[in-house]
Amino acid sequence: MLRKKTMKLVITFHTTADAMAMEELCKKRGIGGRLIPVPRSISAGCGLAFCAEESALSELETAMSEIGLDREGVHHCLI
């Protein structure tokens, strides 16, 4: 049985290290989300992206800004 796709926020990074730093940052702060392979519809510098609920965008951007974590892009995708 296939699960229904829903709109998600997908944040891409220039490096795998940045993607992994994002995952750790979110775990420490209790922000939901997970690392995923970059969807085919998106071109990104590394093969990993962080996927979260769209409603978390402001919280994620604040957290990234506080530690100086750069993102490559922010996308809204059916996942």
PDB file of N, CA and C in Angstrom:
ATOM      1  N   MET A   1       0.841  -1.179   0.000  1.00  0.00           N
ATOM      2  CA  MET A   1       0.000   0.000   0.000  1.00  0.00           C
ATOM      3  C   MET A   1       0.893   1.251   0.000  1.00  0.00           C
ATOM      4  N   LEU A   2       0.662   2.125  -0.940  1.00  0.00           N
ATOM      5  CA  LEU A   2       1.431   3.362  -1.020  1.00  0.00           C
ATOM      6  C   LEU A   2       0.835   4.392  -0.080  1.00  0.00           C
ATOM      7  N   ARG A   3       1.721   5.153   0.569  1.00  0.00           N
ATOM      8  CA  ARG A   3       1.198   6.197   1.440  1.00  0.00           C
ATOM      9  C   ARG A   3       0.937   7.444   0.611  1.00  0.00           C
ATOM     10  N   LYS A   4      -0.004   8.236   1.075  1.00  0.00           N
ATOM     11  CA  LYS A   4      -0.377   9.446   0.359  1.00  0.00           C
ATOM     12  C   LYS A   4       0.720  10.499   0.495  1.00  0.00           C
ATOM     13  N   LYS A   5       1.074  11.133  -0.623  1.00  0.00           N
ATOM     14  CA  LYS A   5       2.092  12.182  -0.595  1.00  0.00           C
ATOM     15  C   LYS A   5       1.478  13.460  -0.044  1.00  0.00           C
ATOM     16  N   THR A   6       2.272  14.182   0.747  1.00  0.00           N
ATOM     17  CA  THR A   6       1.835  15.457   1.306  1.00  0.00           C
ATOM     18  C   THR A   6       2.904  16.506   1.048  1.00  0.00           C
ATOM     19  N   MET A   7       2.504  17.779   1.086  1.00  0.00           N
ATOM     20  CA  MET A   7       3.453  18.869   0.897  1.00  0.00           C
ATOM     21  C   MET A   7       4.389  18.944   2.101  1.00  0.00           C
ATOM     22  N   LYS A   8       5.655  19.002   1.809  1.00  0.00           N
ATOM     23  CA  LYS A   8       6.686  19.093   2.848  1.00  0.00           C
ATOM     24  C   LYS A   8       7.664  20.194   2.487  1.00  0.00           C
ATOM     25  N   LEU A   9       8.351  20.654   3.480  1.00  0.00           N
ATOM     26  CA  LEU A   9       9.428  21.617   3.318  1.00  0.00           C
ATOM     27  C   LEU A   9      10.708  20.810   3.136  1.00  0.00           C
ATOM     28  N   VAL A  10      11.464  21.101   2.089  1.00  0.00           N
ATOM     29  CA  VAL A  10      12.722  20.399   1.829  1.00  0.00           C
ATOM     30  C   VAL A  10      13.834  21.449   1.753  1.00  0.00           C
ATOM     31  N   ILE A  11      14.787  21.336   2.677  1.00  0.00           N
ATOM     32  CA  ILE A  11      15.904  22.273   2.725  1.00  0.00           C
ATOM     33  C   ILE A  11      17.138  21.562   2.201  1.00  0.00           C
ATOM     34  N   THR A  12      17.769  22.155   1.192  1.00  0.00           N
ATOM     35  CA  THR A  12      18.968  21.556   0.609  1.00  0.00           C
ATOM     36  C   THR A  12      20.203  22.317   1.084  1.00  0.00           C
ATOM     37  N   PHE A  13      21.337  21.627   1.021  1.00  0.00           N
ATOM     38  CA  PHE A  13      22.593  22.160   1.533  1.00  0.00           C
ATOM     39  C   PHE A  13      23.701  21.970   0.507  1.00  0.00           C
ATOM     40  N   HIS A  14      24.752  22.770   0.638  1.00  0.00           N
ATOM     41  CA  HIS A  14      25.903  22.668  -0.251  1.00  0.00           C
ATOM     42  C   HIS A  14      26.737  21.426   0.047  1.00  0.00           C
ATOM     43  N   THR A  15      26.769  21.015   1.331  1.00  0.00           N
ATOM     44  CA  THR A  15      27.606  19.872   1.713  1.00  0.00           C
ATOM     45  C   THR A  15      26.829  18.894   2.583  1.00  0.00           C
ATOM     46  N   THR A  16      27.289  17.660   2.571  1.00  0.00           N
ATOM     47  CA  THR A  16      26.705  16.634   3.431  1.00  0.00           C
ATOM     48  C   THR A  16      26.888  17.000   4.893  1.00  0.00           C
ATOM     49  N   ALA A  17      28.040  17.590   5.231  1.00  0.00           N
ATOM     50  CA  ALA A  17      28.304  17.991   6.622  1.00  0.00           C
ATOM     51  C   ALA A  17      27.259  18.999   7.105  1.00  0.00           C
ATOM     52  N   ASP A  18      26.860  19.933   6.238  1.00  0.00           N
ATOM     53  CA  ASP A  18      25.835  20.907   6.615  1.00  0.00           C
ATOM     54  C   ASP A  18      24.486  20.222   6.832  1.00  0.00           C
ATOM     55  N   ALA A  19      24.138  19.276   5.985  1.00  0.00           N
ATOM     56  CA  ALA A  19      22.879  18.545   6.137  1.00  0.00           C
ATOM     57  C   ALA A  19      22.873  17.781   7.461  1.00  0.00           C
ATOM     58  N   MET A  20      23.985  17.168   7.796  1.00  0.00           N
ATOM     59  CA  MET A  20      24.078  16.412   9.042  1.00  0.00           C
ATOM     60  C   MET A  20      24.047  17.353  10.258  1.00  0.00           C
ATOM     61  N   ALA A  21      24.642  18.542  10.118  1.00  0.00           N
ATOM     62  CA  ALA A  21      24.596  19.531  11.191  1.00  0.00           C
ATOM     63  C   ALA A  21      23.147  19.978  11.428  1.00  0.00           C
ATOM     64  N   MET A  22      22.387  20.085  10.355  1.00  0.00           N
ATOM     65  CA  MET A  22      20.975  20.459  10.474  1.00  0.00           C
ATOM     66  C   MET A  22      20.205  19.403  11.244  1.00  0.00           C
ATOM     67  N   GLU A  23      20.463  18.146  10.939  1.00  0.00           N
ATOM     68  CA  GLU A  23      19.788  17.059  11.641  1.00  0.00           C
ATOM     69  C   GLU A  23      20.107  17.114  13.141  1.00  0.00           C
ATOM     70  N   GLU A  24      21.364  17.313  13.471  1.00  0.00           N
ATOM     71  CA  GLU A  24      21.762  17.376  14.876  1.00  0.00           C
ATOM     72  C   GLU A  24      21.148  18.593  15.569  1.00  0.00           C
ATOM     73  N   LEU A  25      21.153  19.736  14.893  1.00  0.00           N
ATOM     74  CA  LEU A  25      20.558  20.950  15.436  1.00  0.00           C
ATOM     75  C   LEU A  25      19.085  20.723  15.777  1.00  0.00           C
ATOM     76  N   CYS A  26      18.357  20.105  14.874  1.00  0.00           N
ATOM     77  CA  CYS A  26      16.932  19.865  15.083  1.00  0.00           C
ATOM     78  C   CYS A  26      16.684  18.869  16.211  1.00  0.00           C
ATOM     79  N   LYS A  27      17.517  17.855  16.317  1.00  0.00           N
ATOM     80  CA  LYS A  27      17.375  16.898  17.420  1.00  0.00           C
ATOM     81  C   LYS A  27      17.568  17.605  18.755  1.00  0.00           C
ATOM     82  N   LYS A  28      18.601  18.449  18.853  1.00  0.00           N
ATOM     83  CA  LYS A  28      18.886  19.170  20.104  1.00  0.00           C
ATOM     84  C   LYS A  28      17.756  20.111  20.492  1.00  0.00           C
ATOM     85  N   ARG A  29      17.117  20.717  19.494  1.00  0.00           N
ATOM     86  CA  ARG A  29      16.069  21.705  19.763  1.00  0.00           C
ATOM     87  C   ARG A  29      14.663  21.121  19.739  1.00  0.00           C
ATOM     88  N   GLY A  30      14.556  19.837  19.458  1.00  0.00           N
ATOM     89  CA  GLY A  30      13.239  19.206  19.436  1.00  0.00           C
ATOM     90  C   GLY A  30      12.379  19.619  18.261  1.00  0.00           C
ATOM     91  N   ILE A  31      13.022  19.955  17.147  1.00  0.00           N
ATOM     92  CA  ILE A  31      12.305  20.331  15.932  1.00  0.00           C
ATOM     93  C   ILE A  31      12.146  19.084  15.072  1.00  0.00           C
ATOM     94  N   GLY A  32      10.939  18.788  14.674  1.00  0.00           N
ATOM     95  CA  GLY A  32      10.681  17.590  13.886  1.00  0.00           C
ATOM     96  C   GLY A  32      11.246  17.680  12.477  1.00  0.00           C
ATOM     97  N   GLY A  33      11.614  16.540  11.940  1.00  0.00           N
ATOM     98  CA  GLY A  33      12.126  16.459  10.581  1.00  0.00           C
ATOM     99  C   GLY A  33      13.144  15.343  10.478  1.00  0.00           C
ATOM    100  N   ARG A  34      13.627  15.124   9.242  1.00  0.00           N
ATOM    101  CA  ARG A  34      14.604  14.050   9.033  1.00  0.00           C
ATOM    102  C   ARG A  34      15.383  14.294   7.752  1.00  0.00           C
ATOM    103  N   LEU A  35      16.526  13.645   7.657  1.00  0.00           N
ATOM    104  CA  LEU A  35      17.310  13.698   6.427  1.00  0.00           C
ATOM    105  C   LEU A  35      16.697  12.761   5.405  1.00  0.00           C
ATOM    106  N   ILE A  36      16.686  13.202   4.168  1.00  0.00           N
ATOM    107  CA  ILE A  36      16.178  12.382   3.065  1.00  0.00           C
ATOM    108  C   ILE A  36      17.107  12.564   1.871  1.00  0.00           C
ATOM    109  N   PRO A  37      17.076  11.628   0.931  1.00  0.00           N
ATOM    110  CA  PRO A  37      17.791  11.865  -0.324  1.00  0.00           C
ATOM    111  C   PRO A  37      17.126  13.045  -1.040  1.00  0.00           C
ATOM    112  N   VAL A  38      17.902  13.872  -1.712  1.00  0.00           N
ATOM    113  CA  VAL A  38      17.329  15.014  -2.426  1.00  0.00           C
ATOM    114  C   VAL A  38      16.363  14.479  -3.496  1.00  0.00           C
ATOM    115  N   PRO A  39      15.122  14.977  -3.509  1.00  0.00           N
ATOM    116  CA  PRO A  39      14.163  14.534  -4.533  1.00  0.00           C
ATOM    117  C   PRO A  39      14.686  14.831  -5.938  1.00  0.00           C
ATOM    118  N   ARG A  40      14.331  13.992  -6.884  1.00  0.00           N
ATOM    119  CA  ARG A  40      14.806  14.139  -8.268  1.00  0.00           C
ATOM    120  C   ARG A  40      14.432  15.478  -8.886  1.00  0.00           C
ATOM    121  N   SER A  41      13.333  16.045  -8.430  1.00  0.00           N
ATOM    122  CA  SER A  41      12.866  17.311  -9.006  1.00  0.00           C
ATOM    123  C   SER A  41      13.714  18.508  -8.568  1.00  0.00           C
ATOM    124  N   ILE A  42      14.628  18.286  -7.628  1.00  0.00           N
ATOM    125  CA  ILE A  42      15.475  19.361  -7.107  1.00  0.00           C
ATOM    126  C   ILE A  42      16.930  19.047  -7.430  1.00  0.00           C
ATOM    127  N   SER A  43      17.663  20.035  -7.847  1.00  0.00           N
ATOM    128  CA  SER A  43      19.096  19.888  -8.054  1.00  0.00           C
ATOM    129  C   SER A  43      19.785  20.502  -6.840  1.00  0.00           C
ATOM    130  N   ALA A  44      20.713  19.761  -6.225  1.00  0.00           N
ATOM    131  CA  ALA A  44      21.371  20.266  -5.022  1.00  0.00           C
ATOM    132  C   ALA A  44      22.830  19.868  -5.010  1.00  0.00           C
ATOM    133  N   GLY A  45      23.622  20.613  -4.242  1.00  0.00           N
ATOM    134  CA  GLY A  45      25.058  20.393  -4.160  1.00  0.00           C
ATOM    135  C   GLY A  45      25.436  19.067  -3.535  1.00  0.00           C
ATOM    136  N   CYS A  46      24.655  18.606  -2.565  1.00  0.00           N
ATOM    137  CA  CYS A  46      24.950  17.306  -1.966  1.00  0.00           C
ATOM    138  C   CYS A  46      23.723  16.425  -2.119  1.00  0.00           C
ATOM    139  N   GLY A  47      23.832  15.185  -1.798  1.00  0.00           N
ATOM    140  CA  GLY A  47      22.739  14.244  -2.019  1.00  0.00           C
ATOM    141  C   GLY A  47      21.720  14.166  -0.904  1.00  0.00           C
ATOM    142  N   LEU A  48      21.916  14.947   0.183  1.00  0.00           N
ATOM    143  CA  LEU A  48      20.996  14.902   1.310  1.00  0.00           C
ATOM    144  C   LEU A  48      20.256  16.218   1.475  1.00  0.00           C
ATOM    145  N   ALA A  49      19.027  16.119   1.965  1.00  0.00           N
ATOM    146  CA  ALA A  49      18.212  17.295   2.263  1.00  0.00           C
ATOM    147  C   ALA A  49      17.521  17.048   3.595  1.00  0.00           C
ATOM    148  N   PHE A  50      17.034  18.128   4.213  1.00  0.00           N
ATOM    149  CA  PHE A  50      16.280  17.995   5.453  1.00  0.00           C
ATOM    150  C   PHE A  50      14.818  18.223   5.127  1.00  0.00           C
ATOM    151  N   CYS A  51      13.976  17.300   5.543  1.00  0.00           N
ATOM    152  CA  CYS A  51      12.549  17.338   5.256  1.00  0.00           C
ATOM    153  C   CYS A  51      11.795  17.594   6.556  1.00  0.00           C
ATOM    154  N   ALA A  52      10.865  18.556   6.524  1.00  0.00           N
ATOM    155  CA  ALA A  52      10.082  18.893   7.708  1.00  0.00           C
ATOM    156  C   ALA A  52       8.702  19.373   7.276  1.00  0.00           C
ATOM    157  N   GLU A  53       7.854  19.594   8.256  1.00  0.00           N
ATOM    158  CA  GLU A  53       6.535  20.156   7.978  1.00  0.00           C
ATOM    159  C   GLU A  53       6.704  21.599   7.511  1.00  0.00           C
ATOM    160  N   GLU A  54       5.862  22.029   6.591  1.00  0.00           N
ATOM    161  CA  GLU A  54       5.956  23.386   6.071  1.00  0.00           C
ATOM    162  C   GLU A  54       5.812  24.436   7.172  1.00  0.00           C
ATOM    163  N   SER A  55       5.044  24.131   8.181  1.00  0.00           N
ATOM    164  CA  SER A  55       4.798  25.084   9.269  1.00  0.00           C
ATOM    165  C   SER A  55       6.049  25.357  10.107  1.00  0.00           C
ATOM    166  N   ALA A  56       7.094  24.551   9.949  1.00  0.00           N
ATOM    167  CA  ALA A  56       8.320  24.699  10.744  1.00  0.00           C
ATOM    168  C   ALA A  56       9.327  25.657  10.115  1.00  0.00           C
ATOM    169  N   LEU A  57       9.012  26.252   8.960  1.00  0.00           N
ATOM    170  CA  LEU A  57       9.987  27.064   8.236  1.00  0.00           C
ATOM    171  C   LEU A  57      10.603  28.168   9.089  1.00  0.00           C
ATOM    172  N   SER A  58       9.796  28.958   9.747  1.00  0.00           N
ATOM    173  CA  SER A  58      10.301  30.073  10.546  1.00  0.00           C
ATOM    174  C   SER A  58      11.225  29.576  11.659  1.00  0.00           C
ATOM    175  N   GLU A  59      10.810  28.535  12.345  1.00  0.00           N
ATOM    176  CA  GLU A  59      11.618  27.966  13.442  1.00  0.00           C
ATOM    177  C   GLU A  59      12.946  27.421  12.912  1.00  0.00           C
ATOM    178  N   LEU A  60      12.914  26.763  11.773  1.00  0.00           N
ATOM    179  CA  LEU A  60      14.133  26.205  11.188  1.00  0.00           C
ATOM    180  C   LEU A  60      15.083  27.310  10.735  1.00  0.00           C
ATOM    181  N   GLU A  61      14.556  28.336  10.087  1.00  0.00           N
ATOM    182  CA  GLU A  61      15.407  29.435   9.623  1.00  0.00           C
ATOM    183  C   GLU A  61      16.044  30.174  10.807  1.00  0.00           C
ATOM    184  N   THR A  62      15.290  30.358  11.888  1.00  0.00           N
ATOM    185  CA  THR A  62      15.844  31.002  13.082  1.00  0.00           C
ATOM    186  C   THR A  62      16.972  30.170  13.661  1.00  0.00           C
ATOM    187  N   ALA A  63      16.759  28.869  13.788  1.00  0.00           N
ATOM    188  CA  ALA A  63      17.774  27.977  14.353  1.00  0.00           C
ATOM    189  C   ALA A  63      19.036  27.974  13.491  1.00  0.00           C
ATOM    190  N   MET A  64      18.882  27.906  12.162  1.00  0.00           N
ATOM    191  CA  MET A  64      20.035  27.908  11.264  1.00  0.00           C
ATOM    192  C   MET A  64      20.796  29.228  11.371  1.00  0.00           C
ATOM    193  N   SER A  65      20.076  30.314  11.452  1.00  0.00           N
ATOM    194  CA  SER A  65      20.698  31.634  11.556  1.00  0.00           C
ATOM    195  C   SER A  65      21.507  31.766  12.848  1.00  0.00           C
ATOM    196  N   GLU A  66      20.973  31.249  13.934  1.00  0.00           N
ATOM    197  CA  GLU A  66      21.636  31.353  15.232  1.00  0.00           C
ATOM    198  C   GLU A  66      22.985  30.654  15.270  1.00  0.00           C
ATOM    199  N   ILE A  67      23.139  29.586  14.485  1.00  0.00           N
ATOM    200  CA  ILE A  67      24.434  28.884  14.485  1.00  0.00           C
ATOM    201  C   ILE A  67      25.230  29.124  13.205  1.00  0.00           C
ATOM    202  N   GLY A  68      24.700  29.955  12.320  1.00  0.00           N
ATOM    203  CA  GLY A  68      25.417  30.287  11.088  1.00  0.00           C
ATOM    204  C   GLY A  68      25.444  29.159  10.070  1.00  0.00           C
ATOM    205  N   LEU A  69      24.393  28.358  10.026  1.00  0.00           N
ATOM    206  CA  LEU A  69      24.316  27.236   9.085  1.00  0.00           C
ATOM    207  C   LEU A  69      23.694  27.715   7.776  1.00  0.00           C
ATOM    208  N   ASP A  70      24.441  27.604   6.679  1.00  0.00           N
ATOM    209  CA  ASP A  70      23.957  28.027   5.364  1.00  0.00           C
ATOM    210  C   ASP A  70      23.160  26.928   4.696  1.00  0.00           C
ATOM    211  N   ARG A  71      22.109  27.343   4.016  1.00  0.00           N
ATOM    212  CA  ARG A  71      21.319  26.401   3.212  1.00  0.00           C
ATOM    213  C   ARG A  71      21.520  26.747   1.754  1.00  0.00           C
ATOM    214  N   GLU A  72      21.317  25.774   0.915  1.00  0.00           N
ATOM    215  CA  GLU A  72      21.397  26.031  -0.519  1.00  0.00           C
ATOM    216  C   GLU A  72      20.046  26.532  -1.026  1.00  0.00           C
ATOM    217  N   GLY A  73      18.982  25.894  -0.569  1.00  0.00           N
ATOM    218  CA  GLY A  73      17.653  26.289  -1.020  1.00  0.00           C
ATOM    219  C   GLY A  73      16.562  25.753  -0.123  1.00  0.00           C
ATOM    220  N   VAL A  74      15.382  26.350  -0.242  1.00  0.00           N
ATOM    221  CA  VAL A  74      14.190  25.895   0.474  1.00  0.00           C
ATOM    222  C   VAL A  74      13.136  25.598  -0.585  1.00  0.00           C
ATOM    223  N   HIS A  75      12.575  24.412  -0.540  1.00  0.00           N
ATOM    224  CA  HIS A  75      11.632  23.964  -1.557  1.00  0.00           C
ATOM    225  C   HIS A  75      10.377  23.400  -0.881  1.00  0.00           C
ATOM    226  N   HIS A  76       9.285  23.483  -1.567  1.00  0.00           N
ATOM    227  CA  HIS A  76       8.031  22.883  -1.121  1.00  0.00           C
ATOM    228  C   HIS A  76       7.716  21.775  -2.107  1.00  0.00           C
ATOM    229  N   CYS A  77       7.703  20.537  -1.608  1.00  0.00           N
ATOM    230  CA  CYS A  77       7.557  19.379  -2.499  1.00  0.00           C
ATOM    231  C   CYS A  77       6.541  18.388  -1.967  1.00  0.00           C
ATOM    232  N   LEU A  78       5.914  17.655  -2.881  1.00  0.00           N
ATOM    233  CA  LEU A  78       5.082  16.525  -2.499  1.00  0.00           C
ATOM    234  C   LEU A  78       5.988  15.353  -2.195  1.00  0.00           C
ATOM    235  N   ILE A  79       5.948  14.895  -0.959  1.00  0.00           N
ATOM    236  CA  ILE A  79       6.803  13.781  -0.543  1.00  0.00           C
ATOM    237  C   ILE A  79       5.954  12.731   0.128  1.00  0.00           C
TER     238      ILE A  79
END
